[in-house]
PDB file of N, CA and C in Angstrom:
ATOM      1  N   MET A   1      12.869  25.188  -0.568  1.00  0.00           N
ATOM      2  CA  MET A   1      11.293  25.758  -0.777  1.00  0.00           C
ATOM      3  C   MET A   1      10.617  25.127  -0.478  1.00  0.00           C
ATOM      4  N   SER A   2       9.603  25.865   0.012  1.00  0.00           N
ATOM      5  CA  SER A   2       8.287  26.020   0.780  1.00  0.00           C
ATOM      6  C   SER A   2       7.599  25.061   0.063  1.00  0.00           C
ATOM      7  N   SER A   3       6.592  24.142   0.736  1.00  0.00           N
ATOM      8  CA  SER A   3       5.858  23.243   0.225  1.00  0.00           C
ATOM      9  C   SER A   3       4.623  24.635  -0.613  1.00  0.00           C
ATOM     10  N   SER A   4       4.473  25.520  -0.228  1.00  0.00           N
ATOM     11  CA  SER A   4       3.614  26.440  -1.122  1.00  0.00           C
ATOM     12  C   SER A   4       4.043  26.714  -2.274  1.00  0.00           C
ATOM     13  N   THR A   5       5.175  27.112  -2.333  1.00  0.00           N
ATOM     14  CA  THR A   5       5.922  27.440  -3.555  1.00  0.00           C
ATOM     15  C   THR A   5       5.568  26.426  -4.741  1.00  0.00           C
ATOM     16  N   ALA A   6       5.821  25.005  -3.918  1.00  0.00           N
ATOM     17  CA  ALA A   6       5.365  23.633  -5.016  1.00  0.00           C
ATOM     18  C   ALA A   6       4.036  23.330  -5.326  1.00  0.00           C
ATOM     19  N   ARG A   7       3.062  23.838  -4.300  1.00  0.00           N
ATOM     20  CA  ARG A   7       2.010  23.682  -4.738  1.00  0.00           C
ATOM     21  C   ARG A   7       1.793  24.702  -5.859  1.00  0.00           C
ATOM     22  N   ALA A   8       2.519  25.862  -5.468  1.00  0.00           N
ATOM     23  CA  ALA A   8       2.000  26.600  -6.629  1.00  0.00           C
ATOM     24  C   ALA A   8       2.375  26.454  -8.079  1.00  0.00           C
ATOM     25  N   LEU A   9       3.450  25.712  -8.330  1.00  0.00           N
ATOM     26  CA  LEU A   9       4.389  25.104  -9.319  1.00  0.00           C
ATOM     27  C   LEU A   9       3.308  23.869 -10.096  1.00  0.00           C
ATOM     28  N   ILE A  10       2.622  22.858  -9.135  1.00  0.00           N
ATOM     29  CA  ILE A  10       1.878  21.839  -9.463  1.00  0.00           C
ATOM     30  C   ILE A  10       0.798  22.895 -10.189  1.00  0.00           C
ATOM     31  N   THR A  11      -0.061  23.854  -9.785  1.00  0.00           N
ATOM     32  CA  THR A  11      -1.356  24.501  -9.705  1.00  0.00           C
ATOM     33  C   THR A  11      -1.048  24.939 -10.988  1.00  0.00           C
ATOM     34  N   ILE A  12      -0.278  25.225 -11.665  1.00  0.00           N
ATOM     35  CA  ILE A  12       0.555  26.327 -12.546  1.00  0.00           C
ATOM     36  C   ILE A  12       0.656  25.092 -13.978  1.00  0.00           C
ATOM     37  N   ALA A  13       1.433  24.256 -13.479  1.00  0.00           N
ATOM     38  CA  ALA A  13       1.568  23.298 -14.511  1.00  0.00           C
ATOM     39  C   ALA A  13       0.524  22.625 -14.965  1.00  0.00           C
ATOM     40  N   LEU A  14      -0.823  22.475 -13.885  1.00  0.00           N
ATOM     41  CA  LEU A  14      -1.898  21.442 -14.302  1.00  0.00           C
ATOM     42  C   LEU A  14      -2.740  22.630 -15.325  1.00  0.00           C
ATOM     43  N   VAL A  15      -2.518  23.981 -15.037  1.00  0.00           N
ATOM     44  CA  VAL A  15      -3.407  24.807 -15.575  1.00  0.00           C
ATOM     45  C   VAL A  15      -2.537  24.798 -17.184  1.00  0.00           C
ATOM     46  N   ILE A  16      -1.600  24.862 -17.274  1.00  0.00           N
ATOM     47  CA  ILE A  16      -1.074  24.932 -18.196  1.00  0.00           C
ATOM     48  C   ILE A  16      -1.304  23.480 -19.425  1.00  0.00           C
ATOM     49  N   LEU A  17      -1.334  22.677 -18.873  1.00  0.00           N
ATOM     50  CA  LEU A  17      -1.348  21.404 -19.264  1.00  0.00           C
ATOM     51  C   LEU A  17      -2.953  20.917 -19.557  1.00  0.00           C
ATOM     52  N   PHE A  18      -3.885  21.221 -19.240  1.00  0.00           N
ATOM     53  CA  PHE A  18      -5.004  21.604 -19.169  1.00  0.00           C
ATOM     54  C   PHE A  18      -5.212  22.277 -20.771  1.00  0.00           C
ATOM     55  N   HIS A  19      -4.463  23.382 -20.740  1.00  0.00           N
ATOM     56  CA  HIS A  19      -4.836  24.534 -21.874  1.00  0.00           C
ATOM     57  C   HIS A  19      -4.160  23.847 -22.941  1.00  0.00           C
ATOM     58  N   ALA A  20      -3.067  22.780 -22.694  1.00  0.00           N
ATOM     59  CA  ALA A  20      -2.543  22.516 -24.020  1.00  0.00           C
ATOM     60  C   ALA A  20      -3.601  21.311 -24.606  1.00  0.00           C
ATOM     61  N   GLY A  21      -4.209  20.855 -23.673  1.00  0.00           N
ATOM     62  CA  GLY A  21      -5.170  19.245 -23.689  1.00  0.00           C
ATOM     63  C   GLY A  21      -6.629  20.362 -24.920  1.00  0.00           C
ATOM     64  N   TYR A  22      -6.963  21.305 -24.105  1.00  0.00           N
ATOM     65  CA  TYR A  22      -8.002  22.320 -24.557  1.00  0.00           C
ATOM     66  C   TYR A  22      -7.346  22.921 -26.039  1.00  0.00           C
ATOM     67  N   SER A  23      -6.455  22.985 -26.729  1.00  0.00           N
ATOM     68  CA  SER A  23      -6.120  23.716 -27.333  1.00  0.00           C
ATOM     69  C   SER A  23      -5.887  22.366 -28.490  1.00  0.00           C
ATOM     70  N   ALA A  24      -5.504  21.147 -28.123  1.00  0.00           N
ATOM     71  CA  ALA A  24      -5.456  19.773 -29.272  1.00  0.00           C
ATOM     72  C   ALA A  24      -6.927  19.631 -29.358  1.00  0.00           C
ATOM     73  N   TYR A  25      -7.854  20.014 -28.563  1.00  0.00           N
ATOM     74  CA  TYR A  25      -9.158  19.286 -28.828  1.00  0.00           C
ATOM     75  C   TYR A  25      -9.360  20.453 -29.921  1.00  0.00           C
ATOM     76  N   GLU A  26      -9.442  22.084 -29.669  1.00  0.00           N
ATOM     77  CA  GLU A  26      -9.900  22.791 -30.668  1.00  0.00           C
ATOM     78  C   GLU A  26      -9.161  22.734 -32.281  1.00  0.00           C
ATOM     79  N   HIS A  27      -8.071  22.186 -31.808  1.00  0.00           N
ATOM     80  CA  HIS A  27      -6.755  22.063 -33.373  1.00  0.00           C
ATOM     81  C   HIS A  27      -8.111  20.751 -33.869  1.00  0.00           C
ATOM     82  N   ARG A  28      -8.271  20.059 -33.285  1.00  0.00           N
ATOM     83  CA  ARG A  28      -8.921  18.667 -34.267  1.00  0.00           C
ATOM     84  C   ARG A  28     -10.086  18.962 -34.527  1.00  0.00           C
ATOM     85  N   ALA A  29     -11.258  19.717 -33.875  1.00  0.00           N
ATOM     86  CA  ALA A  29     -12.404  20.468 -33.979  1.00  0.00           C
ATOM     87  C   ALA A  29     -12.418  21.093 -35.311  1.00  0.00           C
ATOM     88  N   PHE A  30     -11.346  22.039 -35.393  1.00  0.00           N
ATOM     89  CA  PHE A  30     -11.111  23.106 -36.630  1.00  0.00           C
ATOM     90  C   PHE A  30     -10.666  21.821 -37.887  1.00  0.00           C
ATOM     91  N   GLN A  31      -9.907  20.877 -37.712  1.00  0.00           N
ATOM     92  CA  GLN A  31      -9.795  19.934 -38.616  1.00  0.00           C
ATOM     93  C   GLN A  31     -10.809  19.252 -39.256  1.00  0.00           C
ATOM     94  N   LYS A  32     -11.800  19.241 -38.325  1.00  0.00           N
ATOM     95  CA  LYS A  32     -12.674  18.733 -38.868  1.00  0.00           C
ATOM     96  C   LYS A  32     -14.095  19.599 -39.618  1.00  0.00           C
ATOM     97  N   SER A  33     -13.831  20.562 -39.101  1.00  0.00           N
ATOM     98  CA  SER A  33     -14.690  21.803 -39.617  1.00  0.00           C
ATOM     99  C   SER A  33     -14.302  22.155 -41.188  1.00  0.00           C
ATOM    100  N   VAL A  34     -12.995  22.322 -41.378  1.00  0.00           N
ATOM    101  CA  VAL A  34     -12.565  22.370 -42.518  1.00  0.00           C
ATOM    102  C   VAL A  34     -12.909  21.174 -43.705  1.00  0.00           C
ATOM    103  N   GLY A  35     -12.835  19.932 -43.160  1.00  0.00           N
ATOM    104  CA  GLY A  35     -13.470  18.721 -43.871  1.00  0.00           C
ATOM    105  C   GLY A  35     -12.038  17.802 -44.122  1.00  0.00           C
ATOM    106  N   ARG A  36     -11.075  17.959 -43.118  1.00  0.00           N
ATOM    107  CA  ARG A  36     -10.023  17.076 -43.451  1.00  0.00           C
ATOM    108  C   ARG A  36     -10.389  16.350 -42.167  1.00  0.00           C
ATOM    109  N   THR A  37     -10.560  14.649 -42.731  1.00  0.00           N
ATOM    110  CA  THR A  37     -10.823  13.957 -41.562  1.00  0.00           C
ATOM    111  C   THR A  37      -9.621  13.331 -41.404  1.00  0.00           C
ATOM    112  N   ALA A  38      -8.633  12.815 -42.032  1.00  0.00           N
ATOM    113  CA  ALA A  38      -7.156  12.662 -41.581  1.00  0.00           C
ATOM    114  C   ALA A  38      -6.703  13.354 -40.531  1.00  0.00           C
ATOM    115  N   VAL A  39      -6.772  13.348 -39.772  1.00  0.00           N
ATOM    116  CA  VAL A  39      -6.239  14.016 -38.610  1.00  0.00           C
ATOM    117  C   VAL A  39      -4.611  13.921 -38.528  1.00  0.00           C
ATOM    118  N   GLY A  40      -3.920  15.319 -38.484  1.00  0.00           N
ATOM    119  CA  GLY A  40      -2.464  15.064 -38.805  1.00  0.00           C
ATOM    120  C   GLY A  40      -1.726  15.163 -37.356  1.00  0.00           C
ATOM    121  N   ARG A  41      -0.488  15.703 -37.329  1.00  0.00           N
ATOM    122  CA  ARG A  41       0.190  16.079 -35.944  1.00  0.00           C
ATOM    123  C   ARG A  41      -0.662  17.453 -35.407  1.00  0.00           C
ATOM    124  N   LEU A  42       0.074  17.347 -34.183  1.00  0.00           N
ATOM    125  CA  LEU A  42      -0.788  18.757 -33.658  1.00  0.00           C
ATOM    126  C   LEU A  42       0.622  19.277 -33.774  1.00  0.00           C
ATOM    127  N   PRO A  43       0.170  20.755 -33.976  1.00  0.00           N
ATOM    128  CA  PRO A  43       1.211  21.956 -34.151  1.00  0.00           C
ATOM    129  C   PRO A  43       1.866  21.860 -32.856  1.00  0.00           C
ATOM    130  N   ILE A  44       3.690  22.505 -33.330  1.00  0.00           N
ATOM    131  CA  ILE A  44       4.687  22.059 -32.577  1.00  0.00           C
ATOM    132  C   ILE A  44       4.303  23.076 -30.740  1.00  0.00           C
ATOM    133  N   ASP A  45       3.578  24.353 -31.348  1.00  0.00           N
ATOM    134  CA  ASP A  45       3.416  25.069 -29.897  1.00  0.00           C
ATOM    135  C   ASP A  45       2.736  24.333 -28.812  1.00  0.00           C
ATOM    136  N   ILE A  46       1.375  23.447 -29.064  1.00  0.00           N
ATOM    137  CA  ILE A  46       0.861  22.527 -28.617  1.00  0.00           C
ATOM    138  C   ILE A  46       1.544  21.656 -27.613  1.00  0.00           C
ATOM    139  N   ILE A  47       2.631  20.779 -28.530  1.00  0.00           N
ATOM    140  CA  ILE A  47       3.466  19.989 -27.859  1.00  0.00           C
ATOM    141  C   ILE A  47       4.622  20.730 -27.042  1.00  0.00           C
ATOM    142  N   VAL A  48       5.035  21.141 -27.565  1.00  0.00           N
ATOM    143  CA  VAL A  48       6.082  22.399 -26.364  1.00  0.00           C
ATOM    144  C   VAL A  48       5.482  23.006 -24.964  1.00  0.00           C
ATOM    145  N   GLU A  49       4.053  23.190 -25.142  1.00  0.00           N
ATOM    146  CA  GLU A  49       3.373  23.245 -24.045  1.00  0.00           C
ATOM    147  C   GLU A  49       3.407  23.007 -23.046  1.00  0.00           C
ATOM    148  N   ALA A  50       3.007  21.362 -23.677  1.00  0.00           N
ATOM    149  CA  ALA A  50       2.746  19.960 -22.797  1.00  0.00           C
ATOM    150  C   ALA A  50       3.792  19.898 -22.006  1.00  0.00           C
ATOM    151  N   LEU A  51       4.751  19.848 -22.933  1.00  0.00           N
ATOM    152  CA  LEU A  51       6.399  19.531 -22.505  1.00  0.00           C
ATOM    153  C   LEU A  51       6.771  20.408 -21.251  1.00  0.00           C
ATOM    154  N   ILE A  52       6.552  21.502 -21.337  1.00  0.00           N
ATOM    155  CA  ILE A  52       6.793  22.371 -20.551  1.00  0.00           C
ATOM    156  C   ILE A  52       5.920  22.259 -19.126  1.00  0.00           C
ATOM    157  N   ALA A  53       4.395  21.990 -19.365  1.00  0.00           N
ATOM    158  CA  ALA A  53       3.832  21.509 -18.194  1.00  0.00           C
ATOM    159  C   ALA A  53       4.514  20.512 -17.519  1.00  0.00           C
ATOM    160  N   ALA A  54       4.604  19.515 -18.255  1.00  0.00           N
ATOM    161  CA  ALA A  54       4.916  18.203 -17.937  1.00  0.00           C
ATOM    162  C   ALA A  54       6.433  18.241 -16.760  1.00  0.00           C
ATOM    163  N   THR A  55       7.261  18.829 -17.447  1.00  0.00           N
ATOM    164  CA  THR A  55       8.387  19.587 -16.896  1.00  0.00           C
ATOM    165  C   THR A  55       8.330  20.675 -15.142  1.00  0.00           C
ATOM    166  N   ILE A  56       7.097  21.440 -15.377  1.00  0.00           N
ATOM    167  CA  ILE A  56       7.021  22.175 -14.258  1.00  0.00           C
ATOM    168  C   ILE A  56       6.615  20.980 -13.687  1.00  0.00           C
ATOM    169  N   PHE A  57       5.680  20.852 -13.764  1.00  0.00           N
ATOM    170  CA  PHE A  57       4.599  19.736 -12.601  1.00  0.00           C
ATOM    171  C   PHE A  57       5.925  18.491 -11.956  1.00  0.00           C
ATOM    172  N   SER A  58       6.851  18.278 -13.067  1.00  0.00           N
ATOM    173  CA  SER A  58       8.219  17.088 -11.915  1.00  0.00           C
ATOM    174  C   SER A  58       8.591  18.040 -11.269  1.00  0.00           C
ATOM    175  N   PHE A  59       9.072  19.135 -11.485  1.00  0.00           N
ATOM    176  CA  PHE A  59       9.959  20.020 -10.627  1.00  0.00           C
ATOM    177  C   PHE A  59       8.982  20.318  -9.133  1.00  0.00           C
ATOM    178  N   GLY A  60       8.017  20.785  -9.369  1.00  0.00           N
ATOM    179  CA  GLY A  60       6.831  20.876  -8.139  1.00  0.00           C
ATOM    180  C   GLY A  60       6.858  19.935  -7.494  1.00  0.00           C
ATOM    181  N   VAL A  61       6.763  18.519  -8.017  1.00  0.00           N
ATOM    182  CA  VAL A  61       6.446  17.250  -6.822  1.00  0.00           C
ATOM    183  C   VAL A  61       7.976  17.048  -6.545  1.00  0.00           C
ATOM    184  N   VAL A  62       9.026  16.850  -7.185  1.00  0.00           N
ATOM    185  CA  VAL A  62      10.083  16.752  -6.028  1.00  0.00           C
ATOM    186  C   VAL A  62      10.839  17.973  -5.296  1.00  0.00           C
ATOM    187  N   LEU A  63       9.586  19.323  -5.478  1.00  0.00           N
ATOM    188  CA  LEU A  63      10.134  20.021  -4.438  1.00  0.00           C
ATOM    189  C   LEU A  63       9.189  19.957  -3.161  1.00  0.00           C
ATOM    190  N   SER A  64       7.988  19.210  -3.574  1.00  0.00           N
ATOM    191  CA  SER A  64       7.026  19.547  -2.255  1.00  0.00           C
ATOM    192  C   SER A  64       7.426  17.757  -1.540  1.00  0.00           C
ATOM    193  N   ALA A  65       8.350  17.000  -2.105  1.00  0.00           N
ATOM    194  CA  ALA A  65       9.044  15.761  -1.315  1.00  0.00           C
ATOM    195  C   ALA A  65       9.789  16.106   0.023  1.00  0.00           C
ATOM    196  N   ASP A  66       9.360  15.187   0.838  1.00  0.00           N
ATOM    197  CA  ASP A  66      10.370  15.990   2.415  1.00  0.00           C
ATOM    198  C   ASP A  66      11.734  15.011   1.797  1.00  0.00           C
ATOM    199  N   ALA A  67      12.763  15.411   2.467  1.00  0.00           N
ATOM    200  CA  ALA A  67      13.937  16.068   2.435  1.00  0.00           C
ATOM    201  C   ALA A  67      14.513  14.091   2.831  1.00  0.00           C
ATOM    202  N   LEU A  68      15.333  13.950   1.812  1.00  0.00           N
ATOM    203  CA  LEU A  68      15.895  12.442   1.701  1.00  0.00           C
ATOM    204  C   LEU A  68      16.549  12.447   3.772  1.00  0.00           C
ATOM    205  N   LYS A  69      16.707  11.242   3.710  1.00  0.00           N
ATOM    206  CA  LYS A  69      17.244  10.299   4.903  1.00  0.00           C
ATOM    207  C   LYS A  69      18.606   9.883   4.711  1.00  0.00           C
ATOM    208  N   PRO A  70      19.731   9.984   5.770  1.00  0.00           N
ATOM    209  CA  PRO A  70      20.564   9.567   5.450  1.00  0.00           C
ATOM    210  C   PRO A  70      20.958   8.221   5.846  1.00  0.00           C
ATOM    211  N   ILE A  71      21.283   7.231   5.202  1.00  0.00           N
ATOM    212  CA  ILE A  71      21.187   5.880   5.503  1.00  0.00           C
ATOM    213  C   ILE A  71      22.454   5.488   6.287  1.00  0.00           C
ATOM    214  N   LYS A  72      22.808   5.159   7.382  1.00  0.00           N
ATOM    215  CA  LYS A  72      23.731   5.117   8.619  1.00  0.00           C
ATOM    216  C   LYS A  72      23.518   3.579   9.255  1.00  0.00           C
ATOM    217  N   TRP A  73      24.384   2.617   8.939  1.00  0.00           N
ATOM    218  CA  TRP A  73      24.273   1.479   9.459  1.00  0.00           C
ATOM    219  C   TRP A  73      24.514   1.448  10.971  1.00  0.00           C
ATOM    220  N   ARG A  74      25.290   2.526  11.221  1.00  0.00           N
ATOM    221  CA  ARG A  74      25.740   2.507  12.539  1.00  0.00           C
ATOM    222  C   ARG A  74      24.264   2.868  14.018  1.00  0.00           C
ATOM    223  N   GLU A  75      23.967   4.074  12.936  1.00  0.00           N
ATOM    224  CA  GLU A  75      22.459   4.260  13.697  1.00  0.00           C
ATOM    225  C   GLU A  75      21.365   3.470  13.851  1.00  0.00           C
ATOM    226  N   TRP A  76      21.103   2.621  12.822  1.00  0.00           N
ATOM    227  CA  TRP A  76      20.165   1.480  12.571  1.00  0.00           C
ATOM    228  C   TRP A  76      20.836   0.266  13.975  1.00  0.00           C
ATOM    229  N   ASN A  77      22.043   0.219  13.764  1.00  0.00           N
ATOM    230  CA  ASN A  77      22.228  -1.100  14.688  1.00  0.00           C
ATOM    231  C   ASN A  77      22.019  -0.760  16.070  1.00  0.00           C
ATOM    232  N   ALA A  78      22.862   0.739  16.213  1.00  0.00           N
ATOM    233  CA  ALA A  78      22.248   1.265  17.460  1.00  0.00           C
ATOM    234  C   ALA A  78      20.969   1.093  18.489  1.00  0.00           C
ATOM    235  N   VAL A  79      20.156   1.645  17.278  1.00  0.00           N
ATOM    236  CA  VAL A  79      18.737   1.223  17.710  1.00  0.00           C
ATOM    237  C   VAL A  79      18.287  -0.152  17.899  1.00  0.00           C
ATOM    238  N   CYS A  80      19.072  -1.470  17.065  1.00  0.00           N
ATOM    239  CA  CYS A  80      18.344  -2.577  17.305  1.00  0.00           C
ATOM    240  C   CYS A  80      18.930  -2.989  18.955  1.00  0.00           C
ATOM    241  N   GLU A  81      19.908  -2.843  18.899  1.00  0.00           N
ATOM    242  CA  GLU A  81      20.787  -3.633  19.961  1.00  0.00           C
ATOM    243  C   GLU A  81      20.411  -2.639  21.506  1.00  0.00           C
ATOM    244  N   LYS A  82      19.950  -1.384  21.548  1.00  0.00           N
ATOM    245  CA  LYS A  82      18.787  -0.881  22.806  1.00  0.00           C
ATOM    246  C   LYS A  82      17.771  -1.523  22.720  1.00  0.00           C
ATOM    247  N   GLU A  83      16.963  -2.200  21.423  1.00  0.00           N
ATOM    248  CA  GLU A  83      15.852  -2.872  21.607  1.00  0.00           C
ATOM    249  C   GLU A  83      16.058  -4.415  22.126  1.00  0.00           C
ATOM    250  N   GLY A  84      17.023  -4.983  22.207  1.00  0.00           N
ATOM    251  CA  GLY A  84      17.540  -6.098  22.725  1.00  0.00           C
ATOM    252  C   GLY A  84      17.755  -7.210  21.489  1.00  0.00           C
ATOM    253  N   SER A  85      17.460  -6.548  20.161  1.00  0.00           N
ATOM    254  CA  SER A  85      17.823  -7.433  19.123  1.00  0.00           C
ATOM    255  C   SER A  85      18.900  -7.202  18.184  1.00  0.00           C
ATOM    256  N   SER A  86      19.637  -8.180  18.049  1.00  0.00           N
ATOM    257  CA  SER A  86      21.207  -8.509  17.457  1.00  0.00           C
ATOM    258  C   SER A  86      20.637  -8.340  15.291  1.00  0.00           C
ATOM    259  N   THR A  87      21.260  -7.213  14.900  1.00  0.00           N
ATOM    260  CA  THR A  87      21.453  -7.238  13.675  1.00  0.00           C
ATOM    261  C   THR A  87      21.830  -8.563  13.010  1.00  0.00           C
ATOM    262  N   LEU A  88      22.822  -8.991  13.477  1.00  0.00           N
ATOM    263  CA  LEU A  88      23.275 -10.131  13.160  1.00  0.00           C
ATOM    264  C   LEU A  88      22.612 -11.219  12.839  1.00  0.00           C
ATOM    265  N   GLN A  89      21.935 -11.242  13.662  1.00  0.00           N
ATOM    266  CA  GLN A  89      21.039 -12.550  14.132  1.00  0.00           C
ATOM    267  C   GLN A  89      20.153 -12.516  13.331  1.00  0.00           C
ATOM    268  N   TYR A  90      19.264 -10.975  13.003  1.00  0.00           N
ATOM    269  CA  TYR A  90      17.910 -10.705  12.132  1.00  0.00           C
ATOM    270  C   TYR A  90      18.535 -10.774  10.624  1.00  0.00           C
ATOM    271  N   LEU A  91      19.631 -10.627  10.230  1.00  0.00           N
ATOM    272  CA  LEU A  91      20.333 -10.739   8.976  1.00  0.00           C
ATOM    273  C   LEU A  91      20.517 -12.546   8.638  1.00  0.00           C
ATOM    274  N   ASP A  92      21.173 -13.141   9.567  1.00  0.00           N
ATOM    275  CA  ASP A  92      21.176 -14.792   9.573  1.00  0.00           C
ATOM    276  C   ASP A  92      19.593 -15.545   9.595  1.00  0.00           C
ATOM    277  N   THR A  93      18.940 -15.023   9.856  1.00  0.00           N
ATOM    278  CA  THR A  93      17.982 -15.839  10.018  1.00  0.00           C
ATOM    279  C   THR A  93      16.963 -15.645   8.725  1.00  0.00           C
ATOM    280  N   ARG A  94      16.816 -14.623   7.899  1.00  0.00           N
ATOM    281  CA  ARG A  94      16.203 -14.953   6.634  1.00  0.00           C
ATOM    282  C   ARG A  94      16.193 -15.916   6.054  1.00  0.00           C
ATOM    283  N   PRO A  95      15.118 -16.131   5.127  1.00  0.00           N
ATOM    284  CA  PRO A  95      14.893 -17.171   4.735  1.00  0.00           C
ATOM    285  C   PRO A  95      16.500 -17.738   3.364  1.00  0.00           C
ATOM    286  N   GLY A  96      16.647 -16.867   2.997  1.00  0.00           N
ATOM    287  CA  GLY A  96      18.164 -16.965   1.840  1.00  0.00           C
ATOM    288  C   GLY A  96      19.144 -17.626   2.694  1.00  0.00           C
ATOM    289  N   PHE A  97      19.364 -17.483   4.088  1.00  0.00           N
ATOM    290  CA  PHE A  97      20.457 -17.531   4.457  1.00  0.00           C
ATOM    291  C   PHE A  97      20.494 -18.969   5.760  1.00  0.00           C
ATOM    292  N   ILE A  98      19.230 -19.254   5.790  1.00  0.00           N
ATOM    293  CA  ILE A  98      19.102 -20.320   6.554  1.00  0.00           C
ATOM    294  C   ILE A  98      19.548 -21.551   5.952  1.00  0.00           C
ATOM    295  N   ASP A  99      20.087 -22.621   6.699  1.00  0.00           N
ATOM    296  CA  ASP A  99      20.769 -23.760   5.964  1.00  0.00           C
ATOM    297  C   ASP A  99      19.886 -25.127   6.758  1.00  0.00           C
ATOM    298  N   ILE A 100      19.286 -25.400   5.565  1.00  0.00           N
ATOM    299  CA  ILE A 100      18.265 -26.176   5.891  1.00  0.00           C
ATOM    300  C   ILE A 100      18.510 -27.551   6.679  1.00  0.00           C
ATOM    301  N   ARG A 101      19.586 -28.078   5.764  1.00  0.00           N
ATOM    302  CA  ARG A 101      20.523 -29.261   6.347  1.00  0.00           C
ATOM    303  C   ARG A 101      20.644 -29.315   8.014  1.00  0.00           C
ATOM    304  N   GLN A 102      21.170 -28.418   8.326  1.00  0.00           N
ATOM    305  CA  GLN A 102      21.910 -28.439   9.585  1.00  0.00           C
ATOM    306  C   GLN A 102      20.499 -27.911  10.488  1.00  0.00           C
ATOM    307  N   ARG A 103      19.459 -27.140  10.028  1.00  0.00           N
ATOM    308  CA  ARG A 103      18.334 -27.088  10.511  1.00  0.00           C
ATOM    309  C   ARG A 103      17.268 -28.908  11.170  1.00  0.00           C
ATOM    310  N   ARG A 104      17.451 -29.581   9.924  1.00  0.00           N
ATOM    311  CA  ARG A 104      17.004 -30.663  10.277  1.00  0.00           C
ATOM    312  C   ARG A 104      17.467 -31.876  10.686  1.00  0.00           C
ATOM    313  N   LYS A 105      18.607 -31.663  10.949  1.00  0.00           N
ATOM    314  CA  LYS A 105      19.900 -32.715  11.934  1.00  0.00           C
ATOM    315  C   LYS A 105      19.617 -31.422  13.396  1.00  0.00           C
ATOM    316  N   GLU A 106      19.587 -30.734  13.481  1.00  0.00           N
ATOM    317  CA  GLU A 106      19.049 -30.344  14.869  1.00  0.00           C
ATOM    318  C   GLU A 106      17.837 -31.064  15.533  1.00  0.00           C
ATOM    319  N   TYR A 107      16.631 -30.585  14.608  1.00  0.00           N
ATOM    320  CA  TYR A 107      14.975 -31.112  14.719  1.00  0.00           C
ATOM    321  C   TYR A 107      15.686 -32.453  15.308  1.00  0.00           C
ATOM    322  N   ALA A 108      16.020 -33.353  14.068  1.00  0.00           N
ATOM    323  CA  ALA A 108      16.330 -34.784  14.654  1.00  0.00           C
ATOM    324  C   ALA A 108      16.704 -35.379  16.060  1.00  0.00           C
ATOM    325  N   THR A 109      18.272 -34.439  16.338  1.00  0.00           N
ATOM    326  CA  THR A 109      18.443 -35.102  17.557  1.00  0.00           C
ATOM    327  C   THR A 109      17.814 -34.028  18.414  1.00  0.00           C
ATOM    328  N   GLY A 110      16.893 -33.285  18.300  1.00  0.00           N
ATOM    329  CA  GLY A 110      15.856 -32.112  19.601  1.00  0.00           C
ATOM    330  C   GLY A 110      16.945 -31.141  20.238  1.00  0.00           C
ATOM    331  N   LYS A 111      18.207 -30.869  19.352  1.00  0.00           N
ATOM    332  CA  LYS A 111      18.645 -30.038  19.882  1.00  0.00           C
ATOM    333  C   LYS A 111      18.484 -28.535  18.665  1.00  0.00           C
ATOM    334  N   THR A 112      18.156 -27.711  19.600  1.00  0.00           N
ATOM    335  CA  THR A 112      18.270 -26.320  18.573  1.00  0.00           C
ATOM    336  C   THR A 112      19.063 -25.249  19.009  1.00  0.00           C
ATOM    337  N   ILE A 113      19.199 -24.269  18.387  1.00  0.00           N
ATOM    338  CA  ILE A 113      20.603 -23.406  18.423  1.00  0.00           C
ATOM    339  C   ILE A 113      20.387 -22.615  19.993  1.00  0.00           C
ATOM    340  N   LYS A 114      19.225 -22.407  20.041  1.00  0.00           N
ATOM    341  CA  LYS A 114      18.729 -21.685  21.902  1.00  0.00           C
ATOM    342  C   LYS A 114      19.178 -22.630  22.370  1.00  0.00           C
ATOM    343  N   ALA A 115      19.005 -24.027  22.244  1.00  0.00           N
ATOM    344  CA  ALA A 115      20.237 -24.600  23.587  1.00  0.00           C
ATOM    345  C   ALA A 115      21.025 -24.388  23.566  1.00  0.00           C
ATOM    346  N   GLU A 116      21.902 -24.415  22.187  1.00  0.00           N
ATOM    347  CA  GLU A 116      23.209 -24.575  22.478  1.00  0.00           C
ATOM    348  C   GLU A 116      24.041 -23.290  22.911  1.00  0.00           C
ATOM    349  N   LYS A 117      22.986 -22.248  22.760  1.00  0.00           N
ATOM    350  CA  LYS A 117      23.570 -20.491  23.354  1.00  0.00           C
ATOM    351  C   LYS A 117      23.296 -21.040  24.644  1.00  0.00           C
ATOM    352  N   ASP A 118      22.330 -21.512  25.183  1.00  0.00           N
ATOM    353  CA  ASP A 118      22.010 -21.560  26.356  1.00  0.00           C
ATOM    354  C   ASP A 118      23.447 -22.159  27.445  1.00  0.00           C
ATOM    355  N   ASP A 119      23.991 -23.607  26.319  1.00  0.00           N
ATOM    356  CA  ASP A 119      24.508 -24.355  27.171  1.00  0.00           C
ATOM    357  C   ASP A 119      25.971 -23.541  27.005  1.00  0.00           C
ATOM    358  N   VAL A 120      26.277 -22.374  26.321  1.00  0.00           N
ATOM    359  CA  VAL A 120      27.493 -21.944  26.160  1.00  0.00           C
ATOM    360  C   VAL A 120      27.583 -21.000  27.566  1.00  0.00           C
ATOM    361  N   LYS A 121      26.448 -20.802  27.878  1.00  0.00           N
ATOM    362  CA  LYS A 121      26.246 -19.554  28.870  1.00  0.00           C
ATOM    363  C   LYS A 121      26.164 -20.019  30.094  1.00  0.00           C
ATOM    364  N   ALA A 122      26.251 -21.462  29.951  1.00  0.00           N
ATOM    365  CA  ALA A 122      26.467 -22.239  31.583  1.00  0.00           C
ATOM    366  C   ALA A 122      27.242 -22.523  31.746  1.00  0.00           C
TER     367      ALA A 122
END
């Protein structure tokens, strides 16, 4: 559906919700004028009206959202390789996957992973 339809649904839902709120206010004012200080439950028609408004509003918001994009690992990997970065290298360098003991040994010996890769290439 178009976004104008979604906006119309949202607007209609807000008008209905405003009317339900005003009806609840009027009901409470009537209860006070009659002399009933203990305010009871709202009439069922006001509750139903508010629920219908909430449903229409939710439907309008869903329709106004952009289309979902599929998640494809291959496409993301291809973009990363074009940029020159490796996706596996990115995933391995996250803090949860870093081997601290290995890094400590590399630092103590002065040898790093990058230096090892340079040695392998040569």
